[in-house]
Amino acid sequence: MKISRVNLVATAMAANQFPRTPYPEVAFAGRSNVGKSSLLNKLVNRKNLAHTSSSPGKTRTINFYLVNDQFFLVDLPGYGYAQVSKEVRKKWGELIENYLRERENLKGVVLLVDARHEPTEDDRLMYDWLAYYRVPVVVVATKADKISRGKYLPQEKVIRQKLGLGEGVPVLFFSARTGQGREELWKLILGWIEG
């Protein structure tokens, strides 16, 4: 995928701030600190498009990145460990749910889990929710360079079992450091967008 232009078009804290465009959208969801910003940066070959942070919960808005003036990559706030009040977390949850349920432009969701660990209860809830609303999903196991390739198959089994993945749901291993999985993920994303 050749990326000639990427722009942050909107940062939304409420549904009325979502951009009104005909462009298709692919959203990225995952718990705080799973490597979502690093993955987005690697996908579009930009160092600091999405801001990475060592402290979880940095993304507090839904960020819309327009790629090649053709489609959006949408960065959702991380769930889970963010050091924020319950009230703020509840607001994020409502914002994310509203986006995922109501957004007609949404073509699919990239659900990120950490390749080194079992998926969390929050990951399971997110997948269940996406499955319930029949949103197409690919599960991406990030930080794949931190485990040996010999562990991929057993770890994929754990991910499938813990999330209760449907038969047709792909699981990809991705490394923002090496770029492993980048081309495969683009293929799936473009399949949704062009489909």
N, C-alpha and C. Protein backbone atom coordinates (compact mmCIF):
# COMPACT_ATOMS: atom_id res chain seq x y z
N MET A 1 0.85 -1.20 0.00
CA MET A 1 0.00 0.00 0.00
C MET A 1 0.89 1.25 0.00
N LYS A 2 0.73 2.08 -1.02
CA LYS A 2 1.53 3.31 -1.10
C LYS A 2 0.75 4.45 -0.44
N ILE A 3 1.34 5.02 0.59
CA ILE A 3 0.69 6.11 1.31
C ILE A 3 1.31 7.42 0.85
N SER A 4 0.51 8.25 0.20
CA SER A 4 1.06 9.54 -0.24
C SER A 4 0.66 10.67 0.72
N ARG A 5 -0.47 10.51 1.41
CA ARG A 5 -0.93 11.57 2.29
C ARG A 5 -1.72 11.00 3.46
N VAL A 6 -1.45 11.49 4.67
CA VAL A 6 -2.25 11.13 5.85
C VAL A 6 -2.47 12.41 6.66
N ASN A 7 -3.72 12.68 6.98
CA ASN A 7 -4.04 13.87 7.77
C ASN A 7 -4.95 13.52 8.92
N LEU A 8 -4.69 14.13 10.07
CA LEU A 8 -5.63 14.03 11.19
C LEU A 8 -6.73 15.04 10.89
N VAL A 9 -7.92 14.54 10.61
CA VAL A 9 -9.02 15.40 10.16
C VAL A 9 -9.93 15.80 11.32
N ALA A 10 -10.09 14.90 12.31
CA ALA A 10 -10.97 15.22 13.43
C ALA A 10 -10.54 14.46 14.67
N THR A 11 -10.71 15.13 15.82
CA THR A 11 -10.59 14.45 17.12
C THR A 11 -11.94 14.67 17.80
N ALA A 12 -12.63 13.59 18.07
CA ALA A 12 -14.01 13.69 18.55
C ALA A 12 -14.14 13.23 20.00
N MET A 13 -14.85 14.03 20.78
CA MET A 13 -15.18 13.64 22.16
C MET A 13 -16.67 13.38 22.29
N ALA A 14 -17.39 13.59 21.17
CA ALA A 14 -18.84 13.35 21.15
C ALA A 14 -19.24 13.03 19.71
N ALA A 15 -20.36 12.35 19.56
CA ALA A 15 -20.79 11.89 18.24
C ALA A 15 -20.99 13.03 17.25
N ASN A 16 -21.41 14.20 17.75
CA ASN A 16 -21.64 15.32 16.82
C ASN A 16 -20.34 15.90 16.27
N GLN A 17 -19.19 15.40 16.77
CA GLN A 17 -17.89 15.85 16.25
C GLN A 17 -17.30 14.86 15.23
N PHE A 18 -17.99 13.74 14.98
CA PHE A 18 -17.52 12.81 13.96
C PHE A 18 -17.60 13.50 12.60
N PRO A 19 -16.60 13.30 11.72
CA PRO A 19 -16.67 13.95 10.40
C PRO A 19 -17.83 13.42 9.57
N ARG A 20 -18.46 14.34 8.85
CA ARG A 20 -19.55 13.94 7.96
C ARG A 20 -18.98 13.83 6.55
N THR A 21 -18.59 12.62 6.19
CA THR A 21 -18.00 12.39 4.86
C THR A 21 -18.51 11.06 4.33
N PRO A 22 -18.36 10.83 3.03
CA PRO A 22 -18.77 9.53 2.46
C PRO A 22 -17.66 8.48 2.57
N TYR A 23 -16.49 8.84 3.12
CA TYR A 23 -15.34 7.93 3.08
C TYR A 23 -15.54 6.72 4.00
N PRO A 24 -15.14 5.53 3.53
CA PRO A 24 -15.19 4.35 4.39
C PRO A 24 -14.20 4.47 5.55
N GLU A 25 -14.49 3.76 6.64
CA GLU A 25 -13.66 3.85 7.85
C GLU A 25 -13.32 2.45 8.37
N VAL A 26 -12.10 2.32 8.88
CA VAL A 26 -11.68 1.11 9.58
C VAL A 26 -11.17 1.57 10.95
N ALA A 27 -11.71 0.99 12.01
CA ALA A 27 -11.38 1.43 13.36
C ALA A 27 -10.41 0.47 14.03
N PHE A 28 -9.65 1.01 14.99
CA PHE A 28 -8.66 0.25 15.74
C PHE A 28 -9.01 0.31 17.21
N ALA A 29 -9.20 -0.87 17.81
CA ALA A 29 -9.60 -0.96 19.21
C ALA A 29 -8.63 -1.87 19.97
N GLY A 30 -8.44 -1.57 21.23
CA GLY A 30 -7.57 -2.41 22.05
C GLY A 30 -7.37 -1.77 23.40
N ARG A 31 -6.87 -2.56 24.34
CA ARG A 31 -6.69 -1.99 25.67
C ARG A 31 -5.52 -1.01 25.66
N SER A 32 -5.50 -0.18 26.66
CA SER A 32 -4.42 0.80 26.79
C SER A 32 -3.08 0.08 26.81
N ASN A 33 -2.11 0.63 26.16
CA ASN A 33 -0.73 0.10 26.16
C ASN A 33 -0.54 -1.17 25.32
N VAL A 34 -1.47 -1.46 24.42
CA VAL A 34 -1.32 -2.66 23.59
C VAL A 34 -0.48 -2.37 22.34
N GLY A 35 -0.20 -1.08 22.10
CA GLY A 35 0.63 -0.72 20.95
C GLY A 35 -0.16 -0.21 19.76
N LYS A 36 -1.34 0.37 20.03
CA LYS A 36 -2.21 0.84 18.95
C LYS A 36 -1.57 1.98 18.16
N SER A 37 -1.03 2.97 18.86
CA SER A 37 -0.40 4.11 18.18
C SER A 37 0.80 3.66 17.36
N SER A 38 1.60 2.76 17.92
CA SER A 38 2.78 2.26 17.20
C SER A 38 2.35 1.52 15.93
N LEU A 39 1.29 0.72 16.04
CA LEU A 39 0.79 -0.02 14.87
C LEU A 39 0.31 0.95 13.79
N LEU A 40 -0.47 1.96 14.18
CA LEU A 40 -0.98 2.94 13.21
C LEU A 40 0.18 3.66 12.52
N ASN A 41 1.17 4.07 13.30
CA ASN A 41 2.33 4.76 12.73
C ASN A 41 3.05 3.87 11.72
N LYS A 42 3.21 2.59 12.06
CA LYS A 42 3.91 1.66 11.17
C LYS A 42 3.09 1.41 9.89
N LEU A 43 1.78 1.29 10.06
CA LEU A 43 0.91 1.05 8.90
C LEU A 43 1.07 2.13 7.85
N VAL A 44 1.11 3.39 8.29
CA VAL A 44 1.15 4.50 7.33
C VAL A 44 2.57 5.04 7.13
N ASN A 45 3.56 4.36 7.72
CA ASN A 45 4.97 4.78 7.60
C ASN A 45 5.22 6.22 8.04
N ARG A 46 4.62 6.59 9.17
CA ARG A 46 4.88 7.91 9.76
C ARG A 46 5.34 7.68 11.20
N LYS A 47 6.34 8.46 11.62
CA LYS A 47 6.87 8.23 12.97
C LYS A 47 5.94 8.71 14.08
N ASN A 48 5.36 9.89 13.89
CA ASN A 48 4.59 10.49 14.98
C ASN A 48 3.18 10.90 14.61
N LEU A 49 2.56 10.12 13.74
CA LEU A 49 1.18 10.46 13.37
C LEU A 49 0.29 10.29 14.60
N ALA A 50 0.27 9.06 15.14
CA ALA A 50 -0.46 8.80 16.39
C ALA A 50 0.58 8.87 17.50
N HIS A 51 0.27 9.62 18.54
CA HIS A 51 1.26 9.81 19.60
C HIS A 51 1.35 8.59 20.50
N THR A 52 2.59 8.06 20.62
CA THR A 52 2.82 6.92 21.50
C THR A 52 3.17 7.44 22.88
N SER A 53 2.89 6.63 23.89
CA SER A 53 3.17 7.05 25.26
C SER A 53 3.45 5.84 26.13
N SER A 54 4.30 6.05 27.13
CA SER A 54 4.55 4.94 28.06
C SER A 54 3.46 4.87 29.11
N SER A 55 2.69 5.95 29.25
CA SER A 55 1.58 5.89 30.22
C SER A 55 0.29 5.57 29.48
N PRO A 56 -0.40 4.50 29.92
CA PRO A 56 -1.62 4.06 29.23
C PRO A 56 -2.70 5.13 29.25
N GLY A 57 -3.59 5.05 28.27
CA GLY A 57 -4.77 5.92 28.26
C GLY A 57 -4.53 7.29 27.67
N LYS A 58 -3.50 7.41 26.84
CA LYS A 58 -3.15 8.71 26.25
C LYS A 58 -4.23 9.16 25.25
N THR A 59 -4.75 8.23 24.47
CA THR A 59 -5.79 8.59 23.50
C THR A 59 -7.12 8.71 24.23
N ARG A 60 -7.64 9.93 24.31
CA ARG A 60 -8.89 10.15 25.03
C ARG A 60 -10.01 10.59 24.11
N THR A 61 -9.69 10.66 22.84
CA THR A 61 -10.67 11.06 21.84
C THR A 61 -10.69 9.99 20.75
N ILE A 62 -11.69 10.06 19.89
CA ILE A 62 -11.67 9.23 18.68
C ILE A 62 -11.00 10.06 17.60
N ASN A 63 -9.89 9.56 17.08
CA ASN A 63 -9.11 10.32 16.11
C ASN A 63 -9.30 9.75 14.70
N PHE A 64 -9.62 10.61 13.77
CA PHE A 64 -9.91 10.23 12.38
C PHE A 64 -8.74 10.65 11.49
N TYR A 65 -8.03 9.67 10.93
CA TYR A 65 -6.91 9.93 10.04
C TYR A 65 -7.32 9.61 8.60
N LEU A 66 -7.31 10.63 7.75
CA LEU A 66 -7.69 10.45 6.35
C LEU A 66 -6.46 10.02 5.54
N VAL A 67 -6.56 8.87 4.86
CA VAL A 67 -5.44 8.31 4.11
C VAL A 67 -5.68 8.48 2.62
N ASN A 68 -4.72 9.13 1.95
CA ASN A 68 -4.77 9.33 0.48
C ASN A 68 -6.09 9.94 0.00
N ASP A 69 -6.74 10.71 0.88
CA ASP A 69 -8.04 11.33 0.55
C ASP A 69 -9.08 10.30 0.10
N GLN A 70 -8.96 9.06 0.64
CA GLN A 70 -9.86 7.99 0.18
C GLN A 70 -10.60 7.27 1.30
N PHE A 71 -9.97 7.13 2.46
CA PHE A 71 -10.62 6.41 3.57
C PHE A 71 -9.99 6.85 4.89
N PHE A 72 -10.71 6.53 5.98
CA PHE A 72 -10.23 6.89 7.31
C PHE A 72 -9.72 5.66 8.07
N LEU A 73 -8.62 5.84 8.79
CA LEU A 73 -8.23 4.93 9.86
C LEU A 73 -8.63 5.65 11.14
N VAL A 74 -9.39 4.96 11.98
CA VAL A 74 -9.99 5.60 13.16
C VAL A 74 -9.42 4.98 14.43
N ASP A 75 -8.77 5.82 15.23
CA ASP A 75 -8.12 5.39 16.47
C ASP A 75 -9.07 5.61 17.64
N LEU A 76 -9.52 4.49 18.23
CA LEU A 76 -10.44 4.58 19.37
C LEU A 76 -9.66 4.65 20.69
N PRO A 77 -10.21 5.29 21.73
CA PRO A 77 -9.51 5.32 23.02
C PRO A 77 -9.27 3.91 23.54
N GLY A 78 -8.10 3.68 24.12
CA GLY A 78 -7.79 2.38 24.71
C GLY A 78 -8.66 2.11 25.92
N TYR A 79 -9.01 0.86 26.12
CA TYR A 79 -9.80 0.50 27.30
C TYR A 79 -8.91 -0.25 28.29
N GLY A 80 -9.41 -0.41 29.52
CA GLY A 80 -8.65 -1.22 30.48
C GLY A 80 -7.92 -0.40 31.51
N TYR A 81 -6.59 -0.38 31.41
CA TYR A 81 -5.77 0.08 32.53
C TYR A 81 -5.58 1.58 32.68
N ALA A 82 -6.20 2.37 31.84
CA ALA A 82 -5.97 3.82 31.88
C ALA A 82 -6.22 4.38 33.28
N GLN A 83 -5.29 5.21 33.72
CA GLN A 83 -5.38 5.81 35.06
C GLN A 83 -6.35 6.99 35.02
N VAL A 84 -7.61 6.68 34.81
CA VAL A 84 -8.60 7.75 34.78
C VAL A 84 -9.78 7.34 35.65
N SER A 85 -10.60 8.32 35.99
CA SER A 85 -11.74 8.05 36.86
C SER A 85 -12.75 7.15 36.16
N LYS A 86 -13.59 6.51 36.99
CA LYS A 86 -14.64 5.63 36.44
C LYS A 86 -15.58 6.42 35.54
N GLU A 87 -15.81 7.66 35.93
CA GLU A 87 -16.73 8.52 35.17
C GLU A 87 -16.19 8.77 33.75
N VAL A 88 -14.88 9.06 33.66
CA VAL A 88 -14.26 9.29 32.35
C VAL A 88 -14.27 8.01 31.53
N ARG A 89 -13.96 6.87 32.21
CA ARG A 89 -13.97 5.57 31.50
C ARG A 89 -15.35 5.26 30.96
N LYS A 90 -16.38 5.58 31.74
CA LYS A 90 -17.76 5.34 31.32
C LYS A 90 -18.07 6.19 30.07
N LYS A 91 -17.62 7.44 30.09
CA LYS A 91 -17.82 8.33 28.94
C LYS A 91 -17.14 7.77 27.69
N TRP A 92 -15.88 7.30 27.85
CA TRP A 92 -15.17 6.70 26.73
C TRP A 92 -15.95 5.53 26.19
N GLY A 93 -16.42 4.66 27.11
CA GLY A 93 -17.18 3.47 26.71
C GLY A 93 -18.40 3.83 25.89
N GLU A 94 -19.11 4.85 26.34
CA GLU A 94 -20.32 5.28 25.63
C GLU A 94 -19.97 5.85 24.26
N LEU A 95 -18.87 6.61 24.21
CA LEU A 95 -18.42 7.21 22.95
C LEU A 95 -18.04 6.12 21.95
N ILE A 96 -17.26 5.15 22.42
CA ILE A 96 -16.82 4.04 21.55
C ILE A 96 -18.03 3.24 21.07
N GLU A 97 -18.91 2.92 22.00
CA GLU A 97 -20.09 2.11 21.64
C GLU A 97 -20.96 2.84 20.64
N ASN A 98 -21.15 4.12 20.88
CA ASN A 98 -21.95 4.93 19.97
C ASN A 98 -21.34 4.91 18.57
N TYR A 99 -20.04 5.08 18.51
CA TYR A 99 -19.36 5.06 17.20
C TYR A 99 -19.53 3.71 16.51
N LEU A 100 -19.23 2.63 17.24
CA LEU A 100 -19.24 1.30 16.63
C LEU A 100 -20.65 0.86 16.21
N ARG A 101 -21.64 1.29 16.98
CA ARG A 101 -23.01 0.85 16.70
C ARG A 101 -23.67 1.69 15.60
N GLU A 102 -23.40 3.00 15.59
CA GLU A 102 -24.15 3.92 14.74
C GLU A 102 -23.46 4.29 13.43
N ARG A 103 -22.14 4.09 13.35
CA ARG A 103 -21.37 4.65 12.23
C ARG A 103 -21.58 3.84 10.96
N GLU A 104 -22.29 4.40 10.01
CA GLU A 104 -22.59 3.69 8.76
C GLU A 104 -21.36 3.50 7.88
N ASN A 105 -20.38 4.40 8.01
CA ASN A 105 -19.16 4.33 7.18
C ASN A 105 -18.21 3.23 7.65
N LEU A 106 -18.46 2.67 8.83
CA LEU A 106 -17.54 1.68 9.42
C LEU A 106 -17.57 0.37 8.64
N LYS A 107 -16.41 -0.05 8.14
CA LYS A 107 -16.32 -1.28 7.34
C LYS A 107 -15.75 -2.45 8.12
N GLY A 108 -15.02 -2.19 9.20
CA GLY A 108 -14.43 -3.27 9.98
C GLY A 108 -13.61 -2.72 11.13
N VAL A 109 -13.28 -3.60 12.06
CA VAL A 109 -12.50 -3.21 13.24
C VAL A 109 -11.28 -4.11 13.39
N VAL A 110 -10.13 -3.49 13.61
CA VAL A 110 -8.90 -4.20 13.93
C VAL A 110 -8.82 -4.23 15.45
N LEU A 111 -8.97 -5.43 16.03
CA LEU A 111 -8.94 -5.58 17.49
C LEU A 111 -7.54 -6.04 17.90
N LEU A 112 -6.87 -5.21 18.69
CA LEU A 112 -5.49 -5.49 19.07
C LEU A 112 -5.42 -6.19 20.43
N VAL A 113 -4.60 -7.24 20.48
CA VAL A 113 -4.29 -7.91 21.75
C VAL A 113 -2.76 -8.04 21.81
N ASP A 114 -2.22 -8.22 23.00
CA ASP A 114 -0.78 -8.35 23.18
C ASP A 114 -0.38 -9.81 22.93
N ALA A 115 0.53 -10.04 21.98
CA ALA A 115 0.94 -11.40 21.61
C ALA A 115 1.55 -12.16 22.78
N ARG A 116 2.05 -11.43 23.80
CA ARG A 116 2.76 -12.09 24.91
C ARG A 116 1.83 -12.59 26.00
N HIS A 117 0.58 -12.15 25.98
CA HIS A 117 -0.33 -12.47 27.09
C HIS A 117 -1.67 -13.02 26.59
N GLU A 118 -2.40 -13.61 27.51
CA GLU A 118 -3.77 -14.02 27.18
C GLU A 118 -4.63 -12.77 27.01
N PRO A 119 -5.61 -12.81 26.11
CA PRO A 119 -6.55 -11.68 26.03
C PRO A 119 -7.26 -11.47 27.37
N THR A 120 -7.60 -10.22 27.65
CA THR A 120 -8.25 -9.88 28.92
C THR A 120 -9.76 -10.03 28.80
N GLU A 121 -10.43 -9.89 29.93
CA GLU A 121 -11.89 -9.91 29.94
C GLU A 121 -12.44 -8.74 29.10
N ASP A 122 -11.76 -7.59 29.17
CA ASP A 122 -12.17 -6.44 28.36
C ASP A 122 -12.07 -6.75 26.86
N ASP A 123 -11.00 -7.47 26.47
CA ASP A 123 -10.85 -7.87 25.06
C ASP A 123 -12.01 -8.77 24.65
N ARG A 124 -12.36 -9.68 25.51
CA ARG A 124 -13.46 -10.61 25.24
C ARG A 124 -14.79 -9.85 25.08
N LEU A 125 -15.01 -8.88 25.97
CA LEU A 125 -16.23 -8.09 25.90
C LEU A 125 -16.30 -7.31 24.59
N MET A 126 -15.16 -6.75 24.20
CA MET A 126 -15.12 -5.98 22.94
C MET A 126 -15.42 -6.90 21.75
N TYR A 127 -14.80 -8.09 21.72
CA TYR A 127 -15.05 -9.00 20.61
C TYR A 127 -16.52 -9.45 20.60
N ASP A 128 -17.06 -9.77 21.78
CA ASP A 128 -18.47 -10.19 21.86
C ASP A 128 -19.39 -9.11 21.31
N TRP A 129 -19.06 -7.87 21.67
CA TRP A 129 -19.86 -6.74 21.24
C TRP A 129 -19.82 -6.60 19.72
N LEU A 130 -18.60 -6.70 19.15
CA LEU A 130 -18.45 -6.60 17.69
C LEU A 130 -19.17 -7.74 16.97
N ALA A 131 -19.07 -8.94 17.55
CA ALA A 131 -19.74 -10.10 16.96
C ALA A 131 -21.26 -9.92 17.01
N TYR A 132 -21.76 -9.40 18.13
CA TYR A 132 -23.20 -9.18 18.31
C TYR A 132 -23.73 -8.23 17.24
N TYR A 133 -22.98 -7.16 16.97
CA TYR A 133 -23.42 -6.18 15.98
C TYR A 133 -22.94 -6.51 14.56
N ARG A 134 -22.35 -7.69 14.42
CA ARG A 134 -21.90 -8.19 13.11
C ARG A 134 -20.93 -7.23 12.41
N VAL A 135 -20.03 -6.65 13.19
CA VAL A 135 -18.99 -5.79 12.62
C VAL A 135 -17.83 -6.71 12.21
N PRO A 136 -17.39 -6.67 10.95
CA PRO A 136 -16.24 -7.50 10.55
C PRO A 136 -15.02 -7.16 11.41
N VAL A 137 -14.26 -8.19 11.78
CA VAL A 137 -13.13 -7.96 12.69
C VAL A 137 -11.94 -8.83 12.31
N VAL A 138 -10.74 -8.28 12.52
CA VAL A 138 -9.51 -9.06 12.46
C VAL A 138 -8.83 -8.84 13.82
N VAL A 139 -8.30 -9.90 14.38
CA VAL A 139 -7.57 -9.78 15.65
C VAL A 139 -6.08 -9.71 15.32
N VAL A 140 -5.43 -8.67 15.82
CA VAL A 140 -4.01 -8.49 15.58
C VAL A 140 -3.25 -8.61 16.90
N ALA A 141 -2.34 -9.58 16.94
CA ALA A 141 -1.50 -9.79 18.13
C ALA A 141 -0.24 -8.93 17.96
N THR A 142 -0.16 -7.86 18.76
CA THR A 142 0.95 -6.91 18.63
C THR A 142 2.18 -7.38 19.41
N LYS A 143 3.28 -6.68 19.17
CA LYS A 143 4.55 -6.96 19.86
C LYS A 143 5.04 -8.38 19.57
N ALA A 144 4.76 -8.84 18.33
CA ALA A 144 5.08 -10.21 17.93
C ALA A 144 6.58 -10.49 17.94
N ASP A 145 7.39 -9.43 17.81
CA ASP A 145 8.84 -9.63 17.84
C ASP A 145 9.35 -9.99 19.22
N LYS A 146 8.47 -9.88 20.24
CA LYS A 146 8.90 -10.17 21.62
C LYS A 146 8.68 -11.63 22.01
N ILE A 147 8.09 -12.42 21.09
CA ILE A 147 7.96 -13.86 21.35
C ILE A 147 8.57 -14.61 20.15
N SER A 148 8.97 -15.85 20.37
CA SER A 148 9.58 -16.62 19.28
C SER A 148 8.48 -17.11 18.33
N ARG A 149 8.85 -17.26 17.06
CA ARG A 149 7.87 -17.71 16.06
C ARG A 149 7.26 -19.06 16.40
N GLY A 150 8.02 -19.87 17.11
CA GLY A 150 7.52 -21.18 17.54
C GLY A 150 6.33 -21.09 18.47
N LYS A 151 6.15 -19.91 19.09
CA LYS A 151 5.02 -19.73 20.02
C LYS A 151 3.78 -19.17 19.34
N TYR A 152 3.89 -18.82 18.05
CA TYR A 152 2.75 -18.21 17.37
C TYR A 152 1.52 -19.11 17.34
N LEU A 153 1.70 -20.36 16.93
CA LEU A 153 0.56 -21.25 16.80
C LEU A 153 -0.13 -21.52 18.14
N PRO A 154 0.66 -21.90 19.20
CA PRO A 154 0.01 -22.08 20.50
C PRO A 154 -0.67 -20.80 20.99
N GLN A 155 -0.04 -19.65 20.75
CA GLN A 155 -0.62 -18.39 21.22
C GLN A 155 -1.88 -18.04 20.43
N GLU A 156 -1.89 -18.37 19.14
CA GLU A 156 -3.11 -18.13 18.35
C GLU A 156 -4.26 -18.97 18.90
N LYS A 157 -3.95 -20.22 19.29
CA LYS A 157 -5.00 -21.08 19.89
C LYS A 157 -5.56 -20.46 21.16
N VAL A 158 -4.67 -19.92 22.00
CA VAL A 158 -5.09 -19.28 23.26
C VAL A 158 -5.98 -18.07 22.95
N ILE A 159 -5.56 -17.26 21.99
CA ILE A 159 -6.33 -16.06 21.62
C ILE A 159 -7.71 -16.47 21.11
N ARG A 160 -7.75 -17.46 20.22
CA ARG A 160 -9.04 -17.91 19.67
C ARG A 160 -9.96 -18.43 20.76
N GLN A 161 -9.38 -19.22 21.67
CA GLN A 161 -10.18 -19.82 22.73
C GLN A 161 -10.68 -18.75 23.72
N LYS A 162 -9.79 -17.87 24.17
CA LYS A 162 -10.16 -16.86 25.17
C LYS A 162 -11.18 -15.86 24.65
N LEU A 163 -11.06 -15.51 23.36
CA LEU A 163 -12.01 -14.54 22.79
C LEU A 163 -13.27 -15.23 22.25
N GLY A 164 -13.20 -16.56 22.08
CA GLY A 164 -14.34 -17.27 21.49
C GLY A 164 -14.54 -16.86 20.04
N LEU A 165 -13.43 -16.80 19.30
CA LEU A 165 -13.48 -16.30 17.92
C LEU A 165 -14.25 -17.22 17.00
N GLY A 166 -15.01 -16.60 16.13
CA GLY A 166 -15.70 -17.35 15.09
C GLY A 166 -14.70 -17.93 14.10
N GLU A 167 -15.11 -18.93 13.37
CA GLU A 167 -14.24 -19.67 12.45
C GLU A 167 -13.54 -18.77 11.45
N GLY A 168 -14.28 -17.82 10.89
CA GLY A 168 -13.71 -17.00 9.81
C GLY A 168 -12.92 -15.78 10.26
N VAL A 169 -12.73 -15.60 11.57
CA VAL A 169 -12.03 -14.40 12.06
C VAL A 169 -10.52 -14.61 11.97
N PRO A 170 -9.83 -13.78 11.16
CA PRO A 170 -8.38 -13.95 11.04
C PRO A 170 -7.64 -13.45 12.28
N VAL A 171 -6.51 -14.09 12.58
CA VAL A 171 -5.60 -13.64 13.63
C VAL A 171 -4.25 -13.39 12.97
N LEU A 172 -3.74 -12.17 13.10
CA LEU A 172 -2.44 -11.81 12.52
C LEU A 172 -1.45 -11.46 13.62
N PHE A 173 -0.19 -11.79 13.42
CA PHE A 173 0.87 -11.37 14.33
C PHE A 173 1.56 -10.17 13.71
N PHE A 174 1.77 -9.12 14.52
CA PHE A 174 2.26 -7.84 14.00
C PHE A 174 3.37 -7.30 14.90
N SER A 175 4.38 -6.73 14.25
CA SER A 175 5.44 -6.06 15.00
C SER A 175 5.65 -4.66 14.43
N ALA A 176 5.44 -3.65 15.27
CA ALA A 176 5.67 -2.27 14.84
C ALA A 176 7.16 -2.02 14.66
N ARG A 177 7.98 -2.83 15.31
CA ARG A 177 9.43 -2.64 15.22
C ARG A 177 9.96 -3.15 13.88
N THR A 178 9.53 -4.36 13.48
CA THR A 178 10.07 -4.98 12.26
C THR A 178 9.16 -4.79 11.03
N GLY A 179 7.90 -4.46 11.27
CA GLY A 179 6.96 -4.34 10.15
C GLY A 179 6.28 -5.65 9.80
N GLN A 180 6.59 -6.70 10.55
CA GLN A 180 5.96 -8.00 10.30
C GLN A 180 4.44 -7.88 10.41
N GLY A 181 3.73 -8.42 9.42
CA GLY A 181 2.27 -8.40 9.43
C GLY A 181 1.66 -7.19 8.75
N ARG A 182 2.49 -6.21 8.41
CA ARG A 182 1.97 -4.95 7.84
C ARG A 182 1.23 -5.20 6.52
N GLU A 183 1.87 -5.92 5.61
CA GLU A 183 1.26 -6.15 4.29
C GLU A 183 -0.04 -6.96 4.40
N GLU A 184 -0.02 -7.98 5.26
CA GLU A 184 -1.22 -8.82 5.44
C GLU A 184 -2.38 -8.00 6.00
N LEU A 185 -2.04 -7.11 6.94
CA LEU A 185 -3.10 -6.28 7.53
C LEU A 185 -3.66 -5.30 6.50
N TRP A 186 -2.79 -4.70 5.69
CA TRP A 186 -3.27 -3.81 4.64
C TRP A 186 -4.20 -4.54 3.68
N LYS A 187 -3.85 -5.80 3.34
CA LYS A 187 -4.71 -6.58 2.43
C LYS A 187 -6.12 -6.71 2.99
N LEU A 188 -6.22 -7.02 4.27
CA LEU A 188 -7.52 -7.17 4.90
C LEU A 188 -8.27 -5.84 4.94
N ILE A 189 -7.57 -4.77 5.33
CA ILE A 189 -8.19 -3.45 5.42
C ILE A 189 -8.72 -3.01 4.04
N LEU A 190 -7.89 -3.18 3.01
CA LEU A 190 -8.31 -2.78 1.66
C LEU A 190 -9.46 -3.65 1.16
N GLY A 191 -9.47 -4.92 1.57
CA GLY A 191 -10.60 -5.80 1.24
C GLY A 191 -11.92 -5.26 1.78
N TRP A 192 -11.89 -4.77 3.02
CA TRP A 192 -13.09 -4.16 3.62
C TRP A 192 -13.48 -2.88 2.88
N ILE A 193 -12.48 -2.04 2.64
CA ILE A 193 -12.75 -0.73 2.04
C ILE A 193 -13.28 -0.86 0.62
N GLU A 194 -12.69 -1.78 -0.13
CA GLU A 194 -13.08 -1.92 -1.54
C GLU A 194 -14.27 -2.86 -1.72
N GLY A 195 -14.53 -3.65 -0.65
CA GLY A 195 -15.58 -4.66 -0.74
C GLY A 195 -16.96 -4.09 -0.87
